[in-house]
Amino acid sequence: MLGLIAVALPAHSAAGQESVAALASVVQDTSLAPARAGDFPSPDRFDEDTVAFVARVNAWLIRYRVMAIRALPGDEITIEVAGGEANQYRLRFAEGTARAAEAPANWTWTAPDRAGTFAVRIERSDGSSAIHLNVLVMVPRSEVKNGYLNGYPIGSYRAQAFRGLPRYLPPRGFAEVWAADEDILASPHFTIGQFLCKEPGEPRYVVLSTFLLLKLEAALRAANQAGFATQSFNIMSGFRTPAYNRAIGNRTSYSRHLWGDAADIYIDTDGDGIIDDLNGDGRSDIEDARVLARVVDGMARQAPPGVIPGGLSVYRANPAHGPFVHVDTRGYRARW
C-alpha cells in the first residue's frame, strides 16, 4: 500500500510467533498527518470524544480521541495500552522511529531530529477506535539568542525555580506554529491556535502542557453535565512568553502562563465576547465566573484520572476584558 512501510524489528526470544506479533503492531505510514479541526464529525450535542481504552504516554493518561504532547528532537516517548493484549493494538506513525516492547501493546517512539508537528496513532487492530497523538517536537531552548527565537521575542526565564519545584524550571523548548497550522487539534475541543501568545509573528512559538489539556477537557465535560451546553471554552489567555508577560504589565516571573499550563477561560456561546449569563440573573458579570469556577473546582475535587491539582481563581471585568476564570496545573492546589 502506498505510504506504508514495514518496520524491521529484532526477533524475540521465543519461537517466531512473538516477533511476528511485534512486527504487526508497528506500522510506518508516511501519509499520516496531524489531526485538525474538522477531521472528526461534529455532533449536535457535546461529546467527550473518548475511546474505549486508556493509553499511558510517558506521564500522561490519555483516553481522548486526539491529544497533543510535546517532545524535543530525538526524545523517546513510551506508550502503553492498559490491559492491551498481543495483536489487539498497533502503533502507526509518520516520521521518527518506533519499536515494540516484548510486553504486548507497549511501544517506544523516537521523535524525528527536527522540529515540527508529527502524527502518531494508537489504534485497535480491528480499526474500531484510535488515539491520535499530535506530537509537538519543539525547538530546543538553547536556540533562543538574546531573548529571540528566529526573530520572535521570547524573553528570559528565571534560572532559579520557584520554591525549588521542577515545574518552574525553564521550558525545554518551544513548539513552532505557522498560521496555517493553528487549526491543528490540541485535544478534542481545543486547537493549538487557541493557546498561542498574543504577540504577533510568523511563525509563533508556544509551550503547551498536556496536563492542562486533560484538565480543560475534564472541566468542559463537567460544565456540560452542569447544564451549560458548550463545545469549548473561550481562552482569553493561554501561553505567554516572558517578554509578552512583561509588556502587558505583569511583574511576576512565575506565572504559570509562561509554562503553557495555565488558561484564562469563560463560556461564550452567543459570541458577544463576554461570559454568558450562567446564573440566569439577566447579567453577565463576575457572578457567572464564580459559577464556572465552582464547576471546575468540583471537578478537580473528584480528582479524575490524569487530572493534577493546580490553581483556580476568578477575575473581575476591566476596560479590556470581561470576567474570567484562571485554571492551571502547577502540581499543587492553590486558590486566591
C-alpha atoms as a PDB file:
ATOM      1  CA  MET A   1       0.000   0.000   0.000  1.00  0.00           C
ATOM      2  CA  LEU A   2       1.324   3.426  -0.889  1.00  0.00           C
ATOM      3  CA  GLY A   3       2.782   5.192   2.131  1.00  0.00           C
ATOM      4  CA  LEU A   4       3.061   2.095   4.318  1.00  0.00           C
ATOM      5  CA  ILE A   5       6.470   0.803   5.332  1.00  0.00           C
ATOM      6  CA  ALA A   6       7.126  -2.442   7.158  1.00  0.00           C
ATOM      7  CA  VAL A   7       9.248  -1.788  10.247  1.00  0.00           C
ATOM      8  CA  ALA A   8      12.046  -4.284  10.791  1.00  0.00           C
ATOM      9  CA  LEU A   9      12.272  -5.429  14.407  1.00  0.00           C
ATOM     10  CA  PRO A  10      14.682  -7.813  16.136  1.00  0.00           C
ATOM     11  CA  ALA A  11      13.369 -11.267  16.838  1.00  0.00           C
ATOM     12  CA  HIS A  12      12.204 -12.058  20.359  1.00  0.00           C
ATOM     13  CA  SER A  13      13.414 -14.901  22.444  1.00  0.00           C
ATOM     14  CA  ALA A  14      10.554 -17.346  21.798  1.00  0.00           C
ATOM     15  CA  ALA A  15       9.614 -19.172  18.561  1.00  0.00           C
ATOM     16  CA  GLY A  16       8.833 -16.758  15.723  1.00  0.00           C
ATOM     17  CA  GLN A  17       5.256 -16.041  16.843  1.00  0.00           C
ATOM     18  CA  GLU A  18       6.201 -13.231  19.259  1.00  0.00           C
ATOM     19  CA  SER A  19       8.388 -11.414  16.743  1.00  0.00           C
ATOM     20  CA  VAL A  20       5.686 -11.639  14.081  1.00  0.00           C
ATOM     21  CA  ALA A  21       3.149 -10.174  16.509  1.00  0.00           C
ATOM     22  CA  ALA A  22       5.537  -7.359  17.403  1.00  0.00           C
ATOM     23  CA  LEU A  23       6.189  -6.604  13.742  1.00  0.00           C
ATOM     24  CA  ALA A  24       2.480  -6.415  13.022  1.00  0.00           C
ATOM     25  CA  SER A  25       1.991  -3.977  15.906  1.00  0.00           C
ATOM     26  CA  VAL A  26       4.201  -1.228  14.417  1.00  0.00           C
ATOM     27  CA  VAL A  27       3.412   0.405  11.081  1.00  0.00           C
ATOM     28  CA  GLN A  28       5.065   3.416   9.488  1.00  0.00           C
ATOM     29  CA  ASP A  29       2.551   5.301   7.373  1.00  0.00           C
ATOM     30  CA  THR A  30       4.132   8.312   5.675  1.00  0.00           C
ATOM     31  CA  SER A  31       0.689   9.615   4.659  1.00  0.00           C
ATOM     32  CA  LEU A  32      -0.391  10.033   8.295  1.00  0.00           C
ATOM     33  CA  ALA A  33      -0.947  13.717   9.145  1.00  0.00           C
ATOM     34  CA  PRO A  34      -1.716  15.624  12.374  1.00  0.00           C
ATOM     35  CA  ALA A  35      -5.402  15.701  13.293  1.00  0.00           C
ATOM     36  CA  ARG A  36      -7.065  19.051  12.622  1.00  0.00           C
ATOM     37  CA  ALA A  37     -10.341  20.736  13.478  1.00  0.00           C
ATOM     38  CA  GLY A  38     -12.977  19.314  11.156  1.00  0.00           C
ATOM     39  CA  ASP A  39     -11.320  15.913  10.774  1.00  0.00           C
ATOM     40  CA  PHE A  40     -13.959  14.337  13.002  1.00  0.00           C
ATOM     41  CA  PRO A  41     -17.746  14.700  12.705  1.00  0.00           C
ATOM     42  CA  SER A  42     -19.187  17.410  14.936  1.00  0.00           C
ATOM     43  CA  PRO A  43     -22.226  16.135  16.865  1.00  0.00           C
ATOM     44  CA  ASP A  44     -25.107  18.448  17.700  1.00  0.00           C
ATOM     45  CA  ARG A  45     -24.549  17.762  21.393  1.00  0.00           C
ATOM     46  CA  PHE A  46     -21.336  17.795  23.395  1.00  0.00           C
ATOM     47  CA  ASP A  47     -19.386  14.578  23.033  1.00  0.00           C
ATOM     48  CA  GLU A  48     -16.400  13.789  25.251  1.00  0.00           C
ATOM     49  CA  ASP A  49     -14.640  12.175  22.284  1.00  0.00           C
ATOM     50  CA  THR A  50     -13.140   9.434  24.409  1.00  0.00           C
ATOM     51  CA  VAL A  51     -12.195   5.975  23.187  1.00  0.00           C
ATOM     52  CA  ALA A  52     -12.730   2.548  24.708  1.00  0.00           C
ATOM     53  CA  PHE A  53      -9.176   2.182  26.018  1.00  0.00           C
ATOM     54  CA  VAL A  54      -6.645   4.199  28.021  1.00  0.00           C
ATOM     55  CA  ALA A  55      -3.065   4.794  26.931  1.00  0.00           C
ATOM     56  CA  ARG A  56      -0.211   5.821  29.191  1.00  0.00           C
ATOM     57  CA  VAL A  57       2.046   8.099  27.162  1.00  0.00           C
ATOM     58  CA  ASN A  58       5.078   8.982  29.284  1.00  0.00           C
ATOM     59  CA  ALA A  59       3.462  10.546  32.377  1.00  0.00           C
ATOM     60  CA  TRP A  60       0.075  11.224  30.770  1.00  0.00           C
ATOM     61  CA  LEU A  61      -3.033   9.032  30.945  1.00  0.00           C
ATOM     62  CA  ILE A  62      -4.908   9.600  27.698  1.00  0.00           C
ATOM     63  CA  ARG A  63      -8.357   8.346  26.773  1.00  0.00           C
ATOM     64  CA  TYR A  64      -9.348  11.057  24.288  1.00  0.00           C
ATOM     65  CA  ARG A  65      -9.504  10.568  20.534  1.00  0.00           C
ATOM     66  CA  VAL A  66      -6.857  13.232  19.983  1.00  0.00           C
ATOM     67  CA  MET A  67      -4.259  14.795  22.250  1.00  0.00           C
ATOM     68  CA  ALA A  68      -1.173  16.961  21.763  1.00  0.00           C
ATOM     69  CA  ILE A  69       2.028  16.054  23.558  1.00  0.00           C
ATOM     70  CA  ARG A  70       5.440  17.704  23.386  1.00  0.00           C
ATOM     71  CA  ALA A  71       8.946  16.419  22.894  1.00  0.00           C
ATOM     72  CA  LEU A  72      12.387  17.529  21.804  1.00  0.00           C
ATOM     73  CA  PRO A  73      14.094  16.155  18.682  1.00  0.00           C
ATOM     74  CA  GLY A  74      15.291  12.620  19.424  1.00  0.00           C
ATOM     75  CA  ASP A  75      13.219  12.208  22.603  1.00  0.00           C
ATOM     76  CA  GLU A  76      11.880   8.718  23.308  1.00  0.00           C
ATOM     77  CA  ILE A  77       8.155   8.520  24.069  1.00  0.00           C
ATOM     78  CA  THR A  78       6.949   5.392  25.851  1.00  0.00           C
ATOM     79  CA  ILE A  79       3.421   4.241  25.051  1.00  0.00           C
ATOM     80  CA  GLU A  80       1.391   1.537  26.756  1.00  0.00           C
ATOM     81  CA  VAL A  81      -2.233   0.472  26.395  1.00  0.00           C
ATOM     82  CA  ALA A  82      -3.556  -0.545  29.795  1.00  0.00           C
ATOM     83  CA  GLY A  83      -4.582  -4.196  29.636  1.00  0.00           C
ATOM     84  CA  GLY A  84      -3.747  -4.433  25.938  1.00  0.00           C
ATOM     85  CA  GLU A  85      -3.214  -7.896  24.546  1.00  0.00           C
ATOM     86  CA  ALA A  86      -0.969  -9.117  21.749  1.00  0.00           C
ATOM     87  CA  ASN A  87      -2.313  -8.369  18.257  1.00  0.00           C
ATOM     88  CA  GLN A  88      -5.120  -6.243  19.736  1.00  0.00           C
ATOM     89  CA  TYR A  89      -3.435  -2.856  19.192  1.00  0.00           C
ATOM     90  CA  ARG A  90      -0.864  -1.334  16.875  1.00  0.00           C
ATOM     91  CA  LEU A  91       1.155   1.846  16.662  1.00  0.00           C
ATOM     92  CA  ARG A  92       1.048   3.829  13.421  1.00  0.00           C
ATOM     93  CA  PHE A  93       3.412   6.743  12.865  1.00  0.00           C
ATOM     94  CA  ALA A  94       4.505   9.032  10.038  1.00  0.00           C
ATOM     95  CA  GLU A  95       8.068  10.024  10.932  1.00  0.00           C
ATOM     96  CA  GLY A  96      10.664   9.176  13.547  1.00  0.00           C
ATOM     97  CA  THR A  97      11.260   5.572  14.534  1.00  0.00           C
ATOM     98  CA  ALA A  98       9.315   3.091  16.637  1.00  0.00           C
ATOM     99  CA  ARG A  99       9.813  -0.305  18.186  1.00  0.00           C
ATOM    100  CA  ALA A 100       7.556  -2.689  20.041  1.00  0.00           C
ATOM    101  CA  ALA A 101       8.456  -3.887  23.531  1.00  0.00           C
ATOM    102  CA  GLU A 102       8.268  -7.550  24.470  1.00  0.00           C
ATOM    103  CA  ALA A 103       5.181  -6.807  26.557  1.00  0.00           C
ATOM    104  CA  PRO A 104       2.021  -6.616  24.424  1.00  0.00           C
ATOM    105  CA  ALA A 105       0.653  -3.194  23.448  1.00  0.00           C
ATOM    106  CA  ASN A 106       3.844  -1.428  24.527  1.00  0.00           C
ATOM    107  CA  TRP A 107       5.998   0.705  22.244  1.00  0.00           C
ATOM    108  CA  THR A 108       8.716   3.319  22.181  1.00  0.00           C
ATOM    109  CA  TRP A 109       8.509   6.056  19.563  1.00  0.00           C
ATOM    110  CA  THR A 110      11.542   8.268  18.954  1.00  0.00           C
ATOM    111  CA  ALA A 111      10.877  11.797  17.725  1.00  0.00           C
ATOM    112  CA  PRO A 112      12.468  12.970  14.458  1.00  0.00           C
ATOM    113  CA  ASP A 113      15.655  15.003  14.694  1.00  0.00           C
ATOM    114  CA  ARG A 114      13.888  18.177  13.550  1.00  0.00           C
ATOM    115  CA  ALA A 115      11.144  20.393  14.946  1.00  0.00           C
ATOM    116  CA  GLY A 116       7.564  20.166  13.671  1.00  0.00           C
ATOM    117  CA  THR A 117       4.205  18.568  14.416  1.00  0.00           C
ATOM    118  CA  PHE A 118       4.106  14.828  13.776  1.00  0.00           C
ATOM    119  CA  ALA A 119       1.327  12.251  13.807  1.00  0.00           C
ATOM    120  CA  VAL A 120       1.392   9.098  15.924  1.00  0.00           C
ATOM    121  CA  ARG A 121      -1.685   6.922  16.233  1.00  0.00           C
ATOM    122  CA  ILE A 122      -2.506   4.204  18.772  1.00  0.00           C
ATOM    123  CA  GLU A 123      -5.225   2.084  17.241  1.00  0.00           C
ATOM    124  CA  ARG A 124      -7.121  -1.115  17.737  1.00  0.00           C
ATOM    125  CA  SER A 125      -6.121  -3.632  15.120  1.00  0.00           C
ATOM    126  CA  ASP A 126      -9.736  -4.014  14.003  1.00  0.00           C
ATOM    127  CA  GLY A 127      -9.915  -0.264  13.273  1.00  0.00           C
ATOM    128  CA  SER A 128     -12.754   0.331  15.731  1.00  0.00           C
ATOM    129  CA  SER A 129     -11.059   3.146  17.675  1.00  0.00           C
ATOM    130  CA  ALA A 130      -7.827   5.108  17.862  1.00  0.00           C
ATOM    131  CA  ILE A 131      -5.993   7.781  19.833  1.00  0.00           C
ATOM    132  CA  HIS A 132      -4.395  10.379  17.566  1.00  0.00           C
ATOM    133  CA  LEU A 133      -1.295  11.944  19.105  1.00  0.00           C
ATOM    134  CA  ASN A 134      -0.244  15.279  17.649  1.00  0.00           C
ATOM    135  CA  VAL A 135       3.371  15.439  18.780  1.00  0.00           C
ATOM    136  CA  LEU A 136       4.801  18.947  19.014  1.00  0.00           C
ATOM    137  CA  VAL A 137       8.526  18.420  18.508  1.00  0.00           C
ATOM    138  CA  MET A 138       9.969  21.644  19.858  1.00  0.00           C
ATOM    139  CA  VAL A 139      12.860  23.881  19.009  1.00  0.00           C
ATOM    140  CA  PRO A 140      15.290  23.484  21.936  1.00  0.00           C
ATOM    141  CA  ARG A 141      15.545  26.418  24.335  1.00  0.00           C
ATOM    142  CA  SER A 142      19.253  26.658  23.533  1.00  0.00           C
ATOM    143  CA  GLU A 143      18.235  28.147  20.167  1.00  0.00           C
ATOM    144  CA  VAL A 144      16.919  31.284  21.906  1.00  0.00           C
ATOM    145  CA  LYS A 145      19.524  34.002  21.358  1.00  0.00           C
ATOM    146  CA  ASN A 146      19.404  37.306  23.239  1.00  0.00           C
ATOM    147  CA  GLY A 147      15.768  36.664  24.089  1.00  0.00           C
ATOM    148  CA  TYR A 148      14.669  35.906  20.498  1.00  0.00           C
ATOM    149  CA  LEU A 149      13.893  32.689  18.655  1.00  0.00           C
ATOM    150  CA  ASN A 150      14.113  33.143  14.882  1.00  0.00           C
ATOM    151  CA  GLY A 151      13.094  36.763  15.335  1.00  0.00           C
ATOM    152  CA  TYR A 152      10.217  36.042  17.731  1.00  0.00           C
ATOM    153  CA  PRO A 153      10.525  37.678  21.172  1.00  0.00           C
ATOM    154  CA  ILE A 154      10.689  35.093  23.939  1.00  0.00           C
ATOM    155  CA  GLY A 155      12.438  36.953  26.752  1.00  0.00           C
ATOM    156  CA  SER A 156      14.081  35.089  29.603  1.00  0.00           C
ATOM    157  CA  TYR A 157      13.091  32.776  32.447  1.00  0.00           C
ATOM    158  CA  ARG A 158      14.411  32.842  35.971  1.00  0.00           C
ATOM    159  CA  ALA A 159      17.227  30.324  36.334  1.00  0.00           C
ATOM    160  CA  GLN A 160      16.109  29.572  39.898  1.00  0.00           C
ATOM    161  CA  ALA A 161      12.922  27.538  40.136  1.00  0.00           C
ATOM    162  CA  PHE A 162      10.158  28.882  42.383  1.00  0.00           C
ATOM    163  CA  ARG A 163      10.358  27.040  45.734  1.00  0.00           C
ATOM    164  CA  GLY A 164      12.816  24.687  44.028  1.00  0.00           C
ATOM    165  CA  LEU A 165       9.924  22.998  42.194  1.00  0.00           C
ATOM    166  CA  PRO A 166      10.925  21.283  38.921  1.00  0.00           C
ATOM    167  CA  ARG A 167       7.772  22.594  37.214  1.00  0.00           C
ATOM    168  CA  TYR A 168       9.272  26.085  37.472  1.00  0.00           C
ATOM    169  CA  LEU A 169      12.495  25.266  35.662  1.00  0.00           C
ATOM    170  CA  PRO A 170      12.736  26.989  32.244  1.00  0.00           C
ATOM    171  CA  PRO A 171      10.895  25.073  29.473  1.00  0.00           C
ATOM    172  CA  ARG A 172      12.983  22.629  27.471  1.00  0.00           C
ATOM    173  CA  GLY A 173      11.847  24.121  24.192  1.00  0.00           C
ATOM    174  CA  PHE A 174       9.179  25.907  22.165  1.00  0.00           C
ATOM    175  CA  ALA A 175       6.850  24.469  19.510  1.00  0.00           C
ATOM    176  CA  GLU A 176       6.844  26.334  16.206  1.00  0.00           C
ATOM    177  CA  VAL A 177       3.358  27.205  14.913  1.00  0.00           C
ATOM    178  CA  TRP A 178       2.683  28.731  11.496  1.00  0.00           C
ATOM    179  CA  ALA A 179      -0.637  30.427  10.767  1.00  0.00           C
ATOM    180  CA  ALA A 180      -1.668  27.538   8.507  1.00  0.00           C
ATOM    181  CA  ASP A 181      -1.315  25.112  11.422  1.00  0.00           C
ATOM    182  CA  GLU A 182      -3.310  26.932  14.082  1.00  0.00           C
ATOM    183  CA  ASP A 183      -6.242  24.562  13.447  1.00  0.00           C
ATOM    184  CA  ILE A 184      -4.218  21.505  14.493  1.00  0.00           C
ATOM    185  CA  LEU A 185      -6.057  19.918  17.404  1.00  0.00           C
ATOM    186  CA  ALA A 186      -4.549  20.141  20.858  1.00  0.00           C
ATOM    187  CA  SER A 187      -7.360  17.943  22.209  1.00  0.00           C
ATOM    188  CA  PRO A 188     -10.876  17.077  21.001  1.00  0.00           C
ATOM    189  CA  HIS A 189     -12.341  20.512  21.784  1.00  0.00           C
ATOM    190  CA  PHE A 190      -9.344  22.849  21.571  1.00  0.00           C
ATOM    191  CA  THR A 191      -6.919  23.840  18.827  1.00  0.00           C
ATOM    192  CA  ILE A 192      -3.277  24.852  19.083  1.00  0.00           C
ATOM    193  CA  GLY A 193      -4.240  28.334  17.911  1.00  0.00           C
ATOM    194  CA  GLN A 194      -6.383  28.947  20.991  1.00  0.00           C
ATOM    195  CA  PHE A 195      -3.309  28.822  23.236  1.00  0.00           C
ATOM    196  CA  LEU A 196      -0.903  30.999  21.262  1.00  0.00           C
ATOM    197  CA  CYS A 197       0.679  34.065  22.825  1.00  0.00           C
ATOM    198  CA  LYS A 198      -0.911  37.260  21.530  1.00  0.00           C
ATOM    199  CA  GLU A 199       2.497  38.564  20.452  1.00  0.00           C
ATOM    200  CA  PRO A 200       2.230  38.574  16.620  1.00  0.00           C
ATOM    201  CA  GLY A 201       4.746  36.839  14.389  1.00  0.00           C
ATOM    202  CA  GLU A 202       5.153  34.232  11.658  1.00  0.00           C
ATOM    203  CA  PRO A 203       5.839  31.681  12.893  1.00  0.00           C
ATOM    204  CA  ARG A 204       4.939  31.966  16.542  1.00  0.00           C
ATOM    205  CA  TYR A 205       6.188  29.731  19.328  1.00  0.00           C
ATOM    206  CA  VAL A 206       4.237  28.071  22.113  1.00  0.00           C
ATOM    207  CA  VAL A 207       4.699  25.962  25.199  1.00  0.00           C
ATOM    208  CA  LEU A 208       1.627  23.815  25.835  1.00  0.00           C
ATOM    209  CA  SER A 209       1.115  21.374  28.698  1.00  0.00           C
ATOM    210  CA  THR A 210      -0.737  18.124  28.066  1.00  0.00           C
ATOM    211  CA  PHE A 211      -1.751  18.166  31.738  1.00  0.00           C
ATOM    212  CA  LEU A 212      -3.560  21.472  31.101  1.00  0.00           C
ATOM    213  CA  LEU A 213      -5.369  19.984  28.104  1.00  0.00           C
ATOM    214  CA  LEU A 214      -6.504  16.992  30.160  1.00  0.00           C
ATOM    215  CA  LYS A 215      -7.807  19.327  32.865  1.00  0.00           C
ATOM    216  CA  LEU A 216      -9.642  21.595  30.427  1.00  0.00           C
ATOM    217  CA  GLU A 217     -11.319  18.623  28.766  1.00  0.00           C
ATOM    218  CA  ALA A 218     -12.450  17.334  32.179  1.00  0.00           C
ATOM    219  CA  ALA A 219     -13.706  20.813  33.115  1.00  0.00           C
ATOM    220  CA  LEU A 220     -15.580  21.109  29.809  1.00  0.00           C
ATOM    221  CA  ARG A 221     -17.289  17.804  30.470  1.00  0.00           C
ATOM    222  CA  ALA A 222     -18.249  18.986  33.966  1.00  0.00           C
ATOM    223  CA  ALA A 223     -19.650  22.253  32.579  1.00  0.00           C
ATOM    224  CA  ASN A 224     -21.845  20.380  30.117  1.00  0.00           C
ATOM    225  CA  GLN A 225     -23.011  18.000  32.835  1.00  0.00           C
ATOM    226  CA  ALA A 226     -23.950  21.066  34.884  1.00  0.00           C
ATOM    227  CA  GLY A 227     -26.238  22.184  32.050  1.00  0.00           C
ATOM    228  CA  PHE A 228     -24.019  24.711  30.268  1.00  0.00           C
ATOM    229  CA  ALA A 229     -24.038  23.380  26.722  1.00  0.00           C
ATOM    230  CA  THR A 230     -20.806  24.424  25.030  1.00  0.00           C
ATOM    231  CA  GLN A 231     -18.386  22.776  22.620  1.00  0.00           C
ATOM    232  CA  SER A 232     -15.339  24.597  24.022  1.00  0.00           C
ATOM    233  CA  PHE A 233     -14.183  27.299  26.386  1.00  0.00           C
ATOM    234  CA  ASN A 234     -13.113  30.681  25.108  1.00  0.00           C
ATOM    235  CA  ILE A 235      -9.459  31.033  26.047  1.00  0.00           C
ATOM    236  CA  MET A 236      -8.717  34.665  26.732  1.00  0.00           C
ATOM    237  CA  SER A 237      -5.090  33.943  27.521  1.00  0.00           C
ATOM    238  CA  GLY A 238      -3.077  30.752  27.169  1.00  0.00           C
ATOM    239  CA  PHE A 239       0.687  30.720  26.747  1.00  0.00           C
ATOM    240  CA  ARG A 240       2.571  33.958  27.315  1.00  0.00           C
ATOM    241  CA  THR A 241       6.231  34.472  26.610  1.00  0.00           C
ATOM    242  CA  PRO A 242       8.153  36.186  29.429  1.00  0.00           C
ATOM    243  CA  ALA A 243       8.670  39.112  27.035  1.00  0.00           C
ATOM    244  CA  TYR A 244       4.931  39.489  26.375  1.00  0.00           C
ATOM    245  CA  ASN A 245       4.074  38.989  30.041  1.00  0.00           C
ATOM    246  CA  ARG A 246       6.299  41.943  30.912  1.00  0.00           C
ATOM    247  CA  ALA A 247       4.972  44.024  28.021  1.00  0.00           C
ATOM    248  CA  ILE A 248       1.381  43.817  29.331  1.00  0.00           C
ATOM    249  CA  GLY A 249       2.483  44.953  32.785  1.00  0.00           C
ATOM    250  CA  ASN A 250       2.707  41.702  34.730  1.00  0.00           C
ATOM    251  CA  ARG A 251       5.558  41.795  37.220  1.00  0.00           C
ATOM    252  CA  THR A 252       5.625  38.144  38.225  1.00  0.00           C
ATOM    253  CA  SER A 253       8.257  35.895  36.702  1.00  0.00           C
ATOM    254  CA  TYR A 254       6.474  32.742  37.826  1.00  0.00           C
ATOM    255  CA  SER A 255       3.065  32.965  36.177  1.00  0.00           C
ATOM    256  CA  ARG A 256       2.040  29.507  35.013  1.00  0.00           C
ATOM    257  CA  HIS A 257       1.091  31.064  31.672  1.00  0.00           C
ATOM    258  CA  LEU A 258       4.831  31.230  30.953  1.00  0.00           C
ATOM    259  CA  TRP A 259       4.988  27.436  31.113  1.00  0.00           C
ATOM    260  CA  GLY A 260       1.905  26.864  28.985  1.00  0.00           C
ATOM    261  CA  ASP A 261      -0.017  25.147  31.758  1.00  0.00           C
ATOM    262  CA  ALA A 262      -2.486  27.941  32.549  1.00  0.00           C
ATOM    263  CA  ALA A 263      -5.550  29.244  30.741  1.00  0.00           C
ATOM    264  CA  ASP A 264      -7.972  32.107  31.422  1.00  0.00           C
ATOM    265  CA  ILE A 265     -11.345  30.764  30.319  1.00  0.00           C
ATOM    266  CA  TYR A 266     -15.010  31.652  30.022  1.00  0.00           C
ATOM    267  CA  ILE A 267     -18.109  30.316  28.254  1.00  0.00           C
ATOM    268  CA  ASP A 268     -19.367  32.431  25.360  1.00  0.00           C
ATOM    269  CA  THR A 269     -21.900  30.546  23.259  1.00  0.00           C
ATOM    270  CA  ASP A 270     -23.561  33.691  21.882  1.00  0.00           C
ATOM    271  CA  GLY A 271     -20.280  35.099  20.573  1.00  0.00           C
ATOM    272  CA  ASP A 272     -20.540  38.537  22.171  1.00  0.00           C
ATOM    273  CA  GLY A 273     -17.027  38.342  23.624  1.00  0.00           C
ATOM    274  CA  ILE A 274     -18.007  38.123  27.305  1.00  0.00           C
ATOM    275  CA  ILE A 275     -19.047  35.331  29.633  1.00  0.00           C
ATOM    276  CA  ASP A 276     -22.593  34.006  29.235  1.00  0.00           C
ATOM    277  CA  ASP A 277     -25.278  34.600  31.869  1.00  0.00           C
ATOM    278  CA  LEU A 278     -24.672  31.283  33.646  1.00  0.00           C
ATOM    279  CA  ASN A 279     -26.680  32.019  36.789  1.00  0.00           C
ATOM    280  CA  GLY A 280     -29.734  33.300  34.908  1.00  0.00           C
ATOM    281  CA  ASP A 281     -29.943  36.718  36.581  1.00  0.00           C
ATOM    282  CA  GLY A 282     -30.024  38.603  33.279  1.00  0.00           C
ATOM    283  CA  ARG A 283     -26.476  39.946  33.586  1.00  0.00           C
ATOM    284  CA  SER A 284     -23.016  38.819  32.523  1.00  0.00           C
ATOM    285  CA  ASP A 285     -20.709  39.586  35.414  1.00  0.00           C
ATOM    286  CA  ILE A 286     -18.339  38.137  37.970  1.00  0.00           C
ATOM    287  CA  GLU A 287     -21.099  36.017  39.490  1.00  0.00           C
ATOM    288  CA  ASP A 288     -21.179  33.993  36.270  1.00  0.00           C
ATOM    289  CA  ALA A 289     -17.426  33.484  36.505  1.00  0.00           C
ATOM    290  CA  ARG A 290     -17.936  32.232  40.050  1.00  0.00           C
ATOM    291  CA  VAL A 291     -20.471  29.713  38.763  1.00  0.00           C
ATOM    292  CA  LEU A 292     -17.927  28.385  36.277  1.00  0.00           C
ATOM    293  CA  ALA A 293     -15.210  28.326  38.941  1.00  0.00           C
ATOM    294  CA  ARG A 294     -17.408  26.193  41.217  1.00  0.00           C
ATOM    295  CA  VAL A 295     -17.928  23.738  38.369  1.00  0.00           C
ATOM    296  CA  VAL A 296     -14.175  23.490  37.748  1.00  0.00           C
ATOM    297  CA  ASP A 297     -13.418  23.189  41.459  1.00  0.00           C
ATOM    298  CA  GLY A 298     -15.984  20.434  41.877  1.00  0.00           C
ATOM    299  CA  MET A 299     -14.414  18.521  39.021  1.00  0.00           C
ATOM    300  CA  ALA A 300     -10.922  18.968  40.474  1.00  0.00           C
ATOM    301  CA  ARG A 301     -12.002  17.739  43.908  1.00  0.00           C
ATOM    302  CA  GLN A 302     -13.182  14.479  42.339  1.00  0.00           C
ATOM    303  CA  ALA A 303      -9.606  14.002  41.018  1.00  0.00           C
ATOM    304  CA  PRO A 304     -10.423  12.341  37.674  1.00  0.00           C
ATOM    305  CA  PRO A 305      -7.645  10.071  36.350  1.00  0.00           C
ATOM    306  CA  GLY A 306      -4.902  12.107  34.692  1.00  0.00           C
ATOM    307  CA  VAL A 307      -6.040  15.460  36.148  1.00  0.00           C
ATOM    308  CA  ILE A 308      -3.493  17.020  38.502  1.00  0.00           C
ATOM    309  CA  PRO A 309      -4.003  19.784  41.099  1.00  0.00           C
ATOM    310  CA  GLY A 310      -3.467  23.413  40.288  1.00  0.00           C
ATOM    311  CA  GLY A 311      -4.545  26.993  40.688  1.00  0.00           C
ATOM    312  CA  LEU A 312      -8.059  28.378  40.339  1.00  0.00           C
ATOM    313  CA  SER A 313      -9.214  31.970  40.633  1.00  0.00           C
ATOM    314  CA  VAL A 314     -11.950  34.342  39.475  1.00  0.00           C
ATOM    315  CA  TYR A 315     -11.134  37.725  37.935  1.00  0.00           C
ATOM    316  CA  ARG A 316     -13.400  40.729  37.538  1.00  0.00           C
ATOM    317  CA  ALA A 317     -14.061  42.627  34.337  1.00  0.00           C
ATOM    318  CA  ASN A 318     -11.968  45.646  33.451  1.00  0.00           C
ATOM    319  CA  PRO A 319     -11.996  48.021  30.442  1.00  0.00           C
ATOM    320  CA  ALA A 320     -10.014  45.454  28.394  1.00  0.00           C
ATOM    321  CA  HIS A 321     -11.991  42.261  29.065  1.00  0.00           C
ATOM    322  CA  GLY A 322     -14.911  40.653  30.839  1.00  0.00           C
ATOM    323  CA  PRO A 323     -14.826  38.331  33.874  1.00  0.00           C
ATOM    324  CA  PHE A 324     -12.954  35.044  33.542  1.00  0.00           C
ATOM    325  CA  VAL A 325     -11.652  32.034  35.434  1.00  0.00           C
ATOM    326  CA  HIS A 326      -7.958  31.186  35.719  1.00  0.00           C
ATOM    327  CA  VAL A 327      -7.125  27.452  35.649  1.00  0.00           C
ATOM    328  CA  ASP A 328      -3.675  25.900  35.870  1.00  0.00           C
ATOM    329  CA  THR A 329      -1.866  22.645  36.596  1.00  0.00           C
ATOM    330  CA  ARG A 330       1.033  23.779  38.780  1.00  0.00           C
ATOM    331  CA  GLY A 331       1.002  20.467  40.670  1.00  0.00           C
ATOM    332  CA  TYR A 332      -0.464  21.661  43.966  1.00  0.00           C
ATOM    333  CA  ARG A 333      -3.813  23.184  44.958  1.00  0.00           C
ATOM    334  CA  ALA A 334      -3.917  26.994  45.065  1.00  0.00           C
ATOM    335  CA  ARG A 335      -6.865  29.363  45.420  1.00  0.00           C
ATOM    336  CA  TRP A 336      -6.803  33.154  45.530  1.00  0.00           C
END
